Amino acid sequence: AELLMVGKHINANDLTVIVAGDLNDVAWSHTTRMFQRISGLL
């Protein structure tokens, strides 16, 4: 939920942004990949 809340905020505000940290999730998980799609981040 925390990842997706941030992702939705980024998407809604069309921000130039960096997201960093220990997300306690792997890059290839369903949630992380959905976070990328929701946020539009690379």
PDB file of all heavy atoms in Angstrom:
ATOM      1  N   ALA A   1       0.828  -1.208   0.000  1.00  0.00           N
ATOM      2  CA  ALA A   1       0.000   0.000   0.000  1.00  0.00           C
ATOM      3  C   ALA A   1       0.864   1.261   0.000  1.00  0.00           C
ATOM      4  O   ALA A   1       0.561   2.229  -0.703  1.00  0.00           O
ATOM      5  CB  ALA A   1      -0.932  -0.005   1.206  1.00  0.00           C
ATOM      6  N   GLU A   2       1.938   1.256   0.789  1.00  0.00           N
ATOM      7  CA  GLU A   2       2.805   2.435   0.837  1.00  0.00           C
ATOM      8  C   GLU A   2       3.433   2.715  -0.528  1.00  0.00           C
ATOM      9  O   GLU A   2       3.462   3.859  -0.999  1.00  0.00           O
ATOM     10  CB  GLU A   2       3.897   2.256   1.890  1.00  0.00           C
ATOM     11  CG  GLU A   2       4.809   3.462   2.025  1.00  0.00           C
ATOM     12  CD  GLU A   2       5.697   3.425   3.254  1.00  0.00           C
ATOM     13  OE1 GLU A   2       5.357   2.720   4.219  1.00  0.00           O
ATOM     14  OE2 GLU A   2       6.739   4.112   3.239  1.00  0.00           O
ATOM     15  N   LEU A   3       3.931   1.673  -1.187  1.00  0.00           N
ATOM     16  CA  LEU A   3       4.521   1.850  -2.514  1.00  0.00           C
ATOM     17  C   LEU A   3       3.490   2.385  -3.502  1.00  0.00           C
ATOM     18  O   LEU A   3       3.765   3.316  -4.279  1.00  0.00           O
ATOM     19  CB  LEU A   3       5.076   0.522  -3.022  1.00  0.00           C
ATOM     20  CG  LEU A   3       6.229  -0.113  -2.253  1.00  0.00           C
ATOM     21  CD1 LEU A   3       6.666  -1.400  -2.934  1.00  0.00           C
ATOM     22  CD2 LEU A   3       7.397   0.841  -2.144  1.00  0.00           C
ATOM     23  N   LEU A   4       2.302   1.821  -3.472  1.00  0.00           N
ATOM     24  CA  LEU A   4       1.288   2.208  -4.451  1.00  0.00           C
ATOM     25  C   LEU A   4       0.716   3.593  -4.159  1.00  0.00           C
ATOM     26  O   LEU A   4       0.353   4.324  -5.087  1.00  0.00           O
ATOM     27  CB  LEU A   4       0.179   1.151  -4.476  1.00  0.00           C
ATOM     28  CG  LEU A   4       0.642  -0.221  -4.993  1.00  0.00           C
ATOM     29  CD1 LEU A   4      -0.454  -1.265  -4.811  1.00  0.00           C
ATOM     30  CD2 LEU A   4       1.064  -0.143  -6.457  1.00  0.00           C
ATOM     31  N   MET A   5       0.646   3.982  -2.881  1.00  0.00           N
ATOM     32  CA  MET A   5       0.215   5.346  -2.554  1.00  0.00           C
ATOM     33  C   MET A   5       1.181   6.368  -3.139  1.00  0.00           C
ATOM     34  O   MET A   5       0.767   7.375  -3.735  1.00  0.00           O
ATOM     35  CB  MET A   5       0.122   5.513  -1.027  1.00  0.00           C
ATOM     36  CG  MET A   5      -1.054   4.795  -0.390  1.00  0.00           C
ATOM     37  SD  MET A   5      -0.966   4.786   1.420  1.00  0.00           S
ATOM     38  CE  MET A   5      -1.308   6.503   1.780  1.00  0.00           C
ATOM     39  N   VAL A   6       2.463   6.113  -2.982  1.00  0.00           N
ATOM     40  CA  VAL A   6       3.473   7.009  -3.548  1.00  0.00           C
ATOM     41  C   VAL A   6       3.392   6.991  -5.075  1.00  0.00           C
ATOM     42  O   VAL A   6       3.455   8.041  -5.736  1.00  0.00           O
ATOM     43  CB  VAL A   6       4.884   6.614  -3.068  1.00  0.00           C
ATOM     44  CG1 VAL A   6       5.959   7.395  -3.822  1.00  0.00           C
ATOM     45  CG2 VAL A   6       5.015   6.862  -1.569  1.00  0.00           C
ATOM     46  N   GLY A   7       3.230   5.802  -5.641  1.00  0.00           N
ATOM     47  CA  GLY A   7       3.128   5.692  -7.086  1.00  0.00           C
ATOM     48  C   GLY A   7       1.950   6.469  -7.652  1.00  0.00           C
ATOM     49  O   GLY A   7       2.081   7.162  -8.675  1.00  0.00           O
ATOM     50  N   LYS A   8       0.797   6.376  -7.003  1.00  0.00           N
ATOM     51  CA  LYS A   8      -0.385   7.099  -7.476  1.00  0.00           C
ATOM     52  C   LYS A   8      -0.182   8.610  -7.355  1.00  0.00           C
ATOM     53  O   LYS A   8      -0.607   9.379  -8.228  1.00  0.00           O
ATOM     54  CB  LYS A   8      -1.625   6.654  -6.683  1.00  0.00           C
ATOM     55  CG  LYS A   8      -2.137   5.284  -7.083  1.00  0.00           C
ATOM     56  CD  LYS A   8      -3.316   4.861  -6.224  1.00  0.00           C
ATOM     57  CE  LYS A   8      -4.554   5.682  -6.535  1.00  0.00           C
ATOM     58  NZ  LYS A   8      -5.111   5.381  -7.874  1.00  0.00           N
ATOM     59  N   HIS A   9       0.473   9.047  -6.279  1.00  0.00           N
ATOM     60  CA  HIS A   9       0.731  10.481  -6.099  1.00  0.00           C
ATOM     61  C   HIS A   9       1.650  11.004  -7.206  1.00  0.00           C
ATOM     62  O   HIS A   9       1.416  12.085  -7.762  1.00  0.00           O
ATOM     63  CB  HIS A   9       1.360  10.728  -4.731  1.00  0.00           C
ATOM     64  CG  HIS A   9       1.738  12.157  -4.495  1.00  0.00           C
ATOM     65  ND1 HIS A   9       0.820  13.137  -4.218  1.00  0.00           N
ATOM     66  CD2 HIS A   9       2.951  12.773  -4.522  1.00  0.00           C
ATOM     67  CE1 HIS A   9       1.439  14.298  -4.071  1.00  0.00           C
ATOM     68  NE2 HIS A   9       2.736  14.101  -4.251  1.00  0.00           N
ATOM     69  N   ILE A  10       2.681  10.244  -7.534  1.00  0.00           N
ATOM     70  CA  ILE A  10       3.606  10.645  -8.597  1.00  0.00           C
ATOM     71  C   ILE A  10       2.866  10.736  -9.927  1.00  0.00           C
ATOM     72  O   ILE A  10       3.011  11.701 -10.685  1.00  0.00           O
ATOM     73  CB  ILE A  10       4.772   9.646  -8.688  1.00  0.00           C
ATOM     74  CG1 ILE A  10       5.650   9.752  -7.434  1.00  0.00           C
ATOM     75  CG2 ILE A  10       5.602   9.881  -9.950  1.00  0.00           C
ATOM     76  CD1 ILE A  10       6.650   8.622  -7.292  1.00  0.00           C
ATOM     77  N   ASN A  11       2.053   9.731 -10.205  1.00  0.00           N
ATOM     78  CA  ASN A  11       1.323   9.693 -11.471  1.00  0.00           C
ATOM     79  C   ASN A  11       0.337  10.846 -11.593  1.00  0.00           C
ATOM     80  O   ASN A  11       0.231  11.494 -12.645  1.00  0.00           O
ATOM     81  CB  ASN A  11       0.592   8.353 -11.600  1.00  0.00           C
ATOM     82  CG  ASN A  11      -0.208   8.242 -12.874  1.00  0.00           C
ATOM     83  OD1 ASN A  11      -1.370   8.656 -12.931  1.00  0.00           O
ATOM     84  ND2 ASN A  11       0.395   7.675 -13.903  1.00  0.00           N
ATOM     85  N   ALA A  12      -0.362  11.143 -10.496  1.00  0.00           N
ATOM     86  CA  ALA A  12      -1.388  12.178 -10.530  1.00  0.00           C
ATOM     87  C   ALA A  12      -0.799  13.566 -10.696  1.00  0.00           C
ATOM     88  O   ALA A  12      -1.449  14.463 -11.241  1.00  0.00           O
ATOM     89  CB  ALA A  12      -2.229  12.116  -9.252  1.00  0.00           C
ATOM     90  N   ASN A  13       0.448  13.768 -10.234  1.00  0.00           N
ATOM     91  CA  ASN A  13       1.048  15.098 -10.258  1.00  0.00           C
ATOM     92  C   ASN A  13       2.115  15.264 -11.335  1.00  0.00           C
ATOM     93  O   ASN A  13       2.703  16.331 -11.449  1.00  0.00           O
ATOM     94  CB  ASN A  13       1.639  15.417  -8.884  1.00  0.00           C
ATOM     95  CG  ASN A  13       0.577  15.567  -7.818  1.00  0.00           C
ATOM     96  OD1 ASN A  13      -0.027  16.620  -7.670  1.00  0.00           O
ATOM     97  ND2 ASN A  13       0.320  14.503  -7.065  1.00  0.00           N
ATOM     98  N   ASP A  14       2.353  14.203 -12.121  1.00  0.00           N
ATOM     99  CA  ASP A  14       3.290  14.265 -13.249  1.00  0.00           C
ATOM    100  C   ASP A  14       4.626  14.875 -12.824  1.00  0.00           C
ATOM    101  O   ASP A  14       5.082  15.880 -13.363  1.00  0.00           O
ATOM    102  CB  ASP A  14       2.668  15.067 -14.393  1.00  0.00           C
ATOM    103  CG  ASP A  14       3.444  14.884 -15.701  1.00  0.00           C
ATOM    104  OD1 ASP A  14       4.122  13.852 -15.829  1.00  0.00           O
ATOM    105  OD2 ASP A  14       3.377  15.780 -16.559  1.00  0.00           O
ATOM    106  N   LEU A  15       5.271  14.240 -11.832  1.00  0.00           N
ATOM    107  CA  LEU A  15       6.463  14.806 -11.213  1.00  0.00           C
ATOM    108  C   LEU A  15       7.748  14.308 -11.872  1.00  0.00           C
ATOM    109  O   LEU A  15       7.812  13.197 -12.397  1.00  0.00           O
ATOM    110  CB  LEU A  15       6.497  14.439  -9.729  1.00  0.00           C
ATOM    111  CG  LEU A  15       5.289  14.849  -8.884  1.00  0.00           C
ATOM    112  CD1 LEU A  15       5.444  14.310  -7.465  1.00  0.00           C
ATOM    113  CD2 LEU A  15       5.132  16.358  -8.866  1.00  0.00           C
ATOM    114  N   THR A  16       8.783  15.137 -11.827  1.00  0.00           N
ATOM    115  CA  THR A  16      10.152  14.696 -12.084  1.00  0.00           C
ATOM    116  C   THR A  16      10.680  14.190 -10.748  1.00  0.00           C
ATOM    117  O   THR A  16      10.808  14.955  -9.791  1.00  0.00           O
ATOM    118  CB  THR A  16      11.020  15.857 -12.596  1.00  0.00           C
ATOM    119  OG1 THR A  16      10.436  16.389 -13.778  1.00  0.00           O
ATOM    120  CG2 THR A  16      12.433  15.378 -12.894  1.00  0.00           C
ATOM    121  N   VAL A  17      10.994  12.909 -10.661  1.00  0.00           N
ATOM    122  CA  VAL A  17      11.092  12.302  -9.334  1.00  0.00           C
ATOM    123  C   VAL A  17      12.118  11.179  -9.300  1.00  0.00           C
ATOM    124  O   VAL A  17      12.407  10.525 -10.305  1.00  0.00           O
ATOM    125  CB  VAL A  17       9.695  11.773  -8.907  1.00  0.00           C
ATOM    126  CG1 VAL A  17       9.230  10.669  -9.840  1.00  0.00           C
ATOM    127  CG2 VAL A  17       9.695  11.299  -7.468  1.00  0.00           C
ATOM    128  N   ILE A  18      12.659  10.990  -8.096  1.00  0.00           N
ATOM    129  CA  ILE A  18      13.491   9.834  -7.758  1.00  0.00           C
ATOM    130  C   ILE A  18      12.884   9.187  -6.517  1.00  0.00           C
ATOM    131  O   ILE A  18      12.533   9.885  -5.560  1.00  0.00           O
ATOM    132  CB  ILE A  18      14.946  10.252  -7.467  1.00  0.00           C
ATOM    133  CG1 ILE A  18      15.573  10.938  -8.684  1.00  0.00           C
ATOM    134  CG2 ILE A  18      15.787   9.046  -7.046  1.00  0.00           C
ATOM    135  CD1 ILE A  18      16.902  11.617  -8.381  1.00  0.00           C
ATOM    136  N   VAL A  19      12.741   7.877  -6.545  1.00  0.00           N
ATOM    137  CA  VAL A  19      12.288   7.117  -5.381  1.00  0.00           C
ATOM    138  C   VAL A  19      13.424   6.187  -4.968  1.00  0.00           C
ATOM    139  O   VAL A  19      13.965   5.454  -5.804  1.00  0.00           O
ATOM    140  CB  VAL A  19      11.023   6.294  -5.691  1.00  0.00           C
ATOM    141  CG1 VAL A  19      10.668   5.385  -4.523  1.00  0.00           C
ATOM    142  CG2 VAL A  19       9.851   7.219  -6.005  1.00  0.00           C
ATOM    143  N   ALA A  20      13.805   6.247  -3.700  1.00  0.00           N
ATOM    144  CA  ALA A  20      14.947   5.456  -3.237  1.00  0.00           C
ATOM    145  C   ALA A  20      14.659   4.872  -1.866  1.00  0.00           C
ATOM    146  O   ALA A  20      13.891   5.433  -1.083  1.00  0.00           O
ATOM    147  CB  ALA A  20      16.204   6.336  -3.177  1.00  0.00           C
ATOM    148  N   GLY A  21      15.303   3.745  -1.587  1.00  0.00           N
ATOM    149  CA  GLY A  21      15.192   3.174  -0.254  1.00  0.00           C
ATOM    150  C   GLY A  21      15.259   1.659  -0.263  1.00  0.00           C
ATOM    151  O   GLY A  21      15.419   1.017  -1.307  1.00  0.00           O
ATOM    152  N   ASP A  22      15.133   1.112   0.923  1.00  0.00           N
ATOM    153  CA  ASP A  22      15.000  -0.329   1.113  1.00  0.00           C
ATOM    154  C   ASP A  22      13.499  -0.615   1.094  1.00  0.00           C
ATOM    155  O   ASP A  22      12.798  -0.371   2.075  1.00  0.00           O
ATOM    156  CB  ASP A  22      15.631  -0.736   2.453  1.00  0.00           C
ATOM    157  CG  ASP A  22      15.349  -2.191   2.818  1.00  0.00           C
ATOM    158  OD1 ASP A  22      14.754  -2.923   2.010  1.00  0.00           O
ATOM    159  OD2 ASP A  22      15.715  -2.592   3.946  1.00  0.00           O
ATOM    160  N   LEU A  23      13.005  -1.134  -0.019  1.00  0.00           N
ATOM    161  CA  LEU A  23      11.570  -1.346  -0.169  1.00  0.00           C
ATOM    162  C   LEU A  23      11.119  -2.696   0.378  1.00  0.00           C
ATOM    163  O   LEU A  23       9.930  -3.020   0.330  1.00  0.00           O
ATOM    164  CB  LEU A  23      11.172  -1.227  -1.642  1.00  0.00           C
ATOM    165  CG  LEU A  23      11.538   0.098  -2.326  1.00  0.00           C
ATOM    166  CD1 LEU A  23      10.920   0.163  -3.707  1.00  0.00           C
ATOM    167  CD2 LEU A  23      11.120   1.297  -1.491  1.00  0.00           C
ATOM    168  N   ASN A  24      12.054  -3.484   0.892  1.00  0.00           N
ATOM    169  CA  ASN A  24      11.725  -4.803   1.423  1.00  0.00           C
ATOM    170  C   ASN A  24      10.911  -5.623   0.431  1.00  0.00           C
ATOM    171  O   ASN A  24      10.011  -6.379   0.805  1.00  0.00           O
ATOM    172  CB  ASN A  24      11.008  -4.675   2.764  1.00  0.00           C
ATOM    173  CG  ASN A  24      11.978  -4.514   3.914  1.00  0.00           C
ATOM    174  OD1 ASN A  24      12.959  -5.254   4.024  1.00  0.00           O
ATOM    175  ND2 ASN A  24      11.746  -3.516   4.771  1.00  0.00           N
ATOM    176  N   ASP A  25      11.248  -5.448  -0.822  1.00  0.00           N
ATOM    177  CA  ASP A  25      10.625  -6.211  -1.898  1.00  0.00           C
ATOM    178  C   ASP A  25      11.642  -6.319  -3.023  1.00  0.00           C
ATOM    179  O   ASP A  25      12.507  -5.441  -3.177  1.00  0.00           O
ATOM    180  CB  ASP A  25       9.361  -5.504  -2.393  1.00  0.00           C
ATOM    181  CG  ASP A  25       8.430  -6.441  -3.153  1.00  0.00           C
ATOM    182  OD1 ASP A  25       8.726  -7.659  -3.221  1.00  0.00           O
ATOM    183  OD2 ASP A  25       7.405  -5.972  -3.680  1.00  0.00           O
ATOM    184  N   VAL A  26      11.545  -7.372  -3.803  1.00  0.00           N
ATOM    185  CA  VAL A  26      12.464  -7.561  -4.915  1.00  0.00           C
ATOM    186  C   VAL A  26      11.964  -6.830  -6.153  1.00  0.00           C
ATOM    187  O   VAL A  26      10.774  -6.545  -6.294  1.00  0.00           O
ATOM    188  CB  VAL A  26      12.646  -9.060  -5.220  1.00  0.00           C
ATOM    189  CG1 VAL A  26      13.571  -9.703  -4.205  1.00  0.00           C
ATOM    190  CG2 VAL A  26      11.312  -9.781  -5.265  1.00  0.00           C
ATOM    191  N   ALA A  27      12.884  -6.528  -7.054  1.00  0.00           N
ATOM    192  CA  ALA A  27      12.547  -5.739  -8.236  1.00  0.00           C
ATOM    193  C   ALA A  27      11.538  -6.446  -9.131  1.00  0.00           C
ATOM    194  O   ALA A  27      10.752  -5.791  -9.818  1.00  0.00           O
ATOM    195  CB  ALA A  27      13.824  -5.443  -9.024  1.00  0.00           C
ATOM    196  N   TRP A  28      11.548  -7.779  -9.122  1.00  0.00           N
ATOM    197  CA  TRP A  28      10.716  -8.541 -10.062  1.00  0.00           C
ATOM    198  C   TRP A  28       9.371  -8.951  -9.472  1.00  0.00           C
ATOM    199  O   TRP A  28       8.613  -9.677 -10.120  1.00  0.00           O
ATOM    200  CB  TRP A  28      11.470  -9.789 -10.525  1.00  0.00           C
ATOM    201  CG  TRP A  28      12.101 -10.544  -9.391  1.00  0.00           C
ATOM    202  CD1 TRP A  28      11.496 -11.389  -8.515  1.00  0.00           C
ATOM    203  CD2 TRP A  28      13.480 -10.505  -9.017  1.00  0.00           C
ATOM    204  NE1 TRP A  28      12.389 -11.878  -7.610  1.00  0.00           N
ATOM    205  CE2 TRP A  28      13.627 -11.358  -7.895  1.00  0.00           C
ATOM    206  CE3 TRP A  28      14.603  -9.841  -9.524  1.00  0.00           C
ATOM    207  CZ2 TRP A  28      14.852 -11.556  -7.272  1.00  0.00           C
ATOM    208  CZ3 TRP A  28      15.817 -10.036  -8.898  1.00  0.00           C
ATOM    209  CH2 TRP A  28      15.946 -10.891  -7.798  1.00  0.00           C
ATOM    210  N   SER A  29       9.039  -8.522  -8.278  1.00  0.00           N
ATOM    211  CA  SER A  29       7.770  -8.932  -7.682  1.00  0.00           C
ATOM    212  C   SER A  29       6.591  -8.280  -8.396  1.00  0.00           C
ATOM    213  O   SER A  29       6.716  -7.251  -9.069  1.00  0.00           O
ATOM    214  CB  SER A  29       7.727  -8.556  -6.200  1.00  0.00           C
ATOM    215  OG  SER A  29       7.477  -7.165  -6.049  1.00  0.00           O
ATOM    216  N   HIS A  30       5.430  -8.864  -8.211  1.00  0.00           N
ATOM    217  CA  HIS A  30       4.203  -8.314  -8.799  1.00  0.00           C
ATOM    218  C   HIS A  30       3.962  -6.888  -8.327  1.00  0.00           C
ATOM    219  O   HIS A  30       3.637  -5.996  -9.126  1.00  0.00           O
ATOM    220  CB  HIS A  30       3.015  -9.205  -8.417  1.00  0.00           C
ATOM    221  CG  HIS A  30       1.685  -8.649  -8.814  1.00  0.00           C
ATOM    222  ND1 HIS A  30       1.267  -8.589 -10.128  1.00  0.00           N
ATOM    223  CD2 HIS A  30       0.691  -8.097  -8.071  1.00  0.00           C
ATOM    224  CE1 HIS A  30       0.055  -8.035 -10.180  1.00  0.00           C
ATOM    225  NE2 HIS A  30      -0.307  -7.725  -8.954  1.00  0.00           N
ATOM    226  N   THR A  31       4.169  -6.645  -7.035  1.00  0.00           N
ATOM    227  CA  THR A  31       3.907  -5.311  -6.486  1.00  0.00           C
ATOM    228  C   THR A  31       4.880  -4.276  -7.022  1.00  0.00           C
ATOM    229  O   THR A  31       4.478  -3.164  -7.391  1.00  0.00           O
ATOM    230  CB  THR A  31       3.981  -5.347  -4.951  1.00  0.00           C
ATOM    231  OG1 THR A  31       2.991  -6.239  -4.454  1.00  0.00           O
ATOM    232  CG2 THR A  31       3.735  -3.960  -4.365  1.00  0.00           C
ATOM    233  N   THR A  32       6.169  -4.607  -7.075  1.00  0.00           N
ATOM    234  CA  THR A  32       7.150  -3.635  -7.565  1.00  0.00           C
ATOM    235  C   THR A  32       6.908  -3.305  -9.028  1.00  0.00           C
ATOM    236  O   THR A  32       6.993  -2.140  -9.442  1.00  0.00           O
ATOM    237  CB  THR A  32       8.582  -4.159  -7.362  1.00  0.00           C
ATOM    238  OG1 THR A  32       8.786  -4.439  -5.971  1.00  0.00           O
ATOM    239  CG2 THR A  32       9.604  -3.124  -7.805  1.00  0.00           C
ATOM    240  N   ARG A  33       6.597  -4.314  -9.823  1.00  0.00           N
ATOM    241  CA  ARG A  33       6.330  -4.053 -11.238  1.00  0.00           C
ATOM    242  C   ARG A  33       5.044  -3.235 -11.408  1.00  0.00           C
ATOM    243  O   ARG A  33       4.980  -2.358 -12.281  1.00  0.00           O
ATOM    244  CB  ARG A  33       6.257  -5.369 -11.998  1.00  0.00           C
ATOM    245  CG  ARG A  33       7.618  -6.035 -12.138  1.00  0.00           C
ATOM    246  CD  ARG A  33       7.599  -7.314 -12.948  1.00  0.00           C
ATOM    247  NE  ARG A  33       6.858  -8.363 -12.252  1.00  0.00           N
ATOM    248  CZ  ARG A  33       5.773  -8.949 -12.724  1.00  0.00           C
ATOM    249  NH1 ARG A  33       5.285  -8.597 -13.904  1.00  0.00           N
ATOM    250  NH2 ARG A  33       5.158  -9.891 -12.038  1.00  0.00           N
ATOM    251  N   MET A  34       4.043  -3.483 -10.568  1.00  0.00           N
ATOM    252  CA  MET A  34       2.832  -2.678 -10.640  1.00  0.00           C
ATOM    253  C   MET A  34       3.108  -1.252 -10.167  1.00  0.00           C
ATOM    254  O   MET A  34       2.565  -0.291 -10.722  1.00  0.00           O
ATOM    255  CB  MET A  34       1.706  -3.307  -9.809  1.00  0.00           C
ATOM    256  CG  MET A  34       0.377  -2.554  -9.941  1.00  0.00           C
ATOM    257  SD  MET A  34      -1.036  -3.470  -9.317  1.00  0.00           S
ATOM    258  CE  MET A  34      -0.631  -3.600  -7.583  1.00  0.00           C
ATOM    259  N   PHE A  35       3.946  -1.100  -9.148  1.00  0.00           N
ATOM    260  CA  PHE A  35       4.360   0.235  -8.704  1.00  0.00           C
ATOM    261  C   PHE A  35       4.989   1.008  -9.856  1.00  0.00           C
ATOM    262  O   PHE A  35       4.715   2.202 -10.041  1.00  0.00           O
ATOM    263  CB  PHE A  35       5.347   0.112  -7.543  1.00  0.00           C
ATOM    264  CG  PHE A  35       6.145   1.358  -7.284  1.00  0.00           C
ATOM    265  CD1 PHE A  35       5.572   2.458  -6.677  1.00  0.00           C
ATOM    266  CD2 PHE A  35       7.480   1.438  -7.673  1.00  0.00           C
ATOM    267  CE1 PHE A  35       6.305   3.620  -6.448  1.00  0.00           C
ATOM    268  CE2 PHE A  35       8.222   2.586  -7.449  1.00  0.00           C
ATOM    269  CZ  PHE A  35       7.632   3.679  -6.838  1.00  0.00           C
ATOM    270  N   GLN A  36       5.824   0.342 -10.643  1.00  0.00           N
ATOM    271  CA  GLN A  36       6.431   1.012 -11.793  1.00  0.00           C
ATOM    272  C   GLN A  36       5.378   1.472 -12.797  1.00  0.00           C
ATOM    273  O   GLN A  36       5.445   2.589 -13.325  1.00  0.00           O
ATOM    274  CB  GLN A  36       7.422   0.076 -12.486  1.00  0.00           C
ATOM    275  CG  GLN A  36       8.811   0.066 -11.884  1.00  0.00           C
ATOM    276  CD  GLN A  36       9.815  -0.520 -12.848  1.00  0.00           C
ATOM    277  OE1 GLN A  36      10.134  -1.704 -12.771  1.00  0.00           O
ATOM    278  NE2 GLN A  36      10.285   0.296 -13.761  1.00  0.00           N
ATOM    279  N   ARG A  37       4.404   0.615 -13.053  1.00  0.00           N
ATOM    280  CA  ARG A  37       3.370   0.978 -14.028  1.00  0.00           C
ATOM    281  C   ARG A  37       2.483   2.095 -13.503  1.00  0.00           C
ATOM    282  O   ARG A  37       2.124   3.026 -14.235  1.00  0.00           O
ATOM    283  CB  ARG A  37       2.536  -0.248 -14.394  1.00  0.00           C
ATOM    284  CG  ARG A  37       3.319  -1.342 -15.113  1.00  0.00           C
ATOM    285  CD  ARG A  37       2.399  -2.398 -15.699  1.00  0.00           C
ATOM    286  NE  ARG A  37       1.618  -3.110 -14.695  1.00  0.00           N
ATOM    287  CZ  ARG A  37       2.006  -4.203 -14.063  1.00  0.00           C
ATOM    288  NH1 ARG A  37       3.214  -4.726 -14.323  1.00  0.00           N
ATOM    289  NH2 ARG A  37       1.238  -4.808 -13.169  1.00  0.00           N
ATOM    290  N   ILE A  38       2.119   2.022 -12.226  1.00  0.00           N
ATOM    291  CA  ILE A  38       1.256   3.051 -11.642  1.00  0.00           C
ATOM    292  C   ILE A  38       1.975   4.395 -11.604  1.00  0.00           C
ATOM    293  O   ILE A  38       1.402   5.447 -11.909  1.00  0.00           O
ATOM    294  CB  ILE A  38       0.818   2.646 -10.221  1.00  0.00           C
ATOM    295  CG1 ILE A  38      -0.138   1.444 -10.266  1.00  0.00           C
ATOM    296  CG2 ILE A  38       0.172   3.816  -9.487  1.00  0.00           C
ATOM    297  CD1 ILE A  38      -1.506   1.739 -10.849  1.00  0.00           C
ATOM    298  N   SER A  39       3.246   4.387 -11.230  1.00  0.00           N
ATOM    299  CA  SER A  39       4.012   5.634 -11.084  1.00  0.00           C
ATOM    300  C   SER A  39       4.593   6.129 -12.405  1.00  0.00           C
ATOM    301  O   SER A  39       4.879   7.321 -12.551  1.00  0.00           O
ATOM    302  CB  SER A  39       5.154   5.432 -10.088  1.00  0.00           C
ATOM    303  OG  SER A  39       6.091   4.479 -10.587  1.00  0.00           O
ATOM    304  N   GLY A  40       4.808   5.199 -13.351  1.00  0.00           N
ATOM    305  CA  GLY A  40       5.473   5.556 -14.593  1.00  0.00           C
ATOM    306  C   GLY A  40       6.982   5.674 -14.454  1.00  0.00           C
ATOM    307  O   GLY A  40       7.649   6.220 -15.337  1.00  0.00           O
ATOM    308  N   LEU A  41       7.543   5.147 -13.365  1.00  0.00           N
ATOM    309  CA  LEU A  41       8.980   5.273 -13.130  1.00  0.00           C
ATOM    310  C   LEU A  41       9.765   4.142 -13.798  1.00  0.00           C
ATOM    311  O   LEU A  41       9.241   3.058 -14.047  1.00  0.00           O
ATOM    312  CB  LEU A  41       9.273   5.297 -11.631  1.00  0.00           C
ATOM    313  CG  LEU A  41       8.630   6.438 -10.828  1.00  0.00           C
ATOM    314  CD1 LEU A  41       9.139   6.425  -9.400  1.00  0.00           C
ATOM    315  CD2 LEU A  41       8.882   7.792 -11.486  1.00  0.00           C
ATOM    316  N   LEU A  42      11.036   4.418 -14.034  1.00  0.00           N
ATOM    317  CA  LEU A  42      11.926   3.475 -14.700  1.00  0.00           C
ATOM    318  C   LEU A  42      12.890   2.845 -13.704  1.00  0.00           C
ATOM    319  O   LEU A  42      13.200   3.423 -12.657  1.00  0.00           O
ATOM    320  CB  LEU A  42      12.720   4.194 -15.796  1.00  0.00           C
ATOM    321  CG  LEU A  42      11.926   5.038 -16.804  1.00  0.00           C
ATOM    322  CD1 LEU A  42      12.870   5.646 -17.836  1.00  0.00           C
ATOM    323  CD2 LEU A  42      10.834   4.234 -17.468  1.00  0.00           C
TER     324      LEU A  42
END
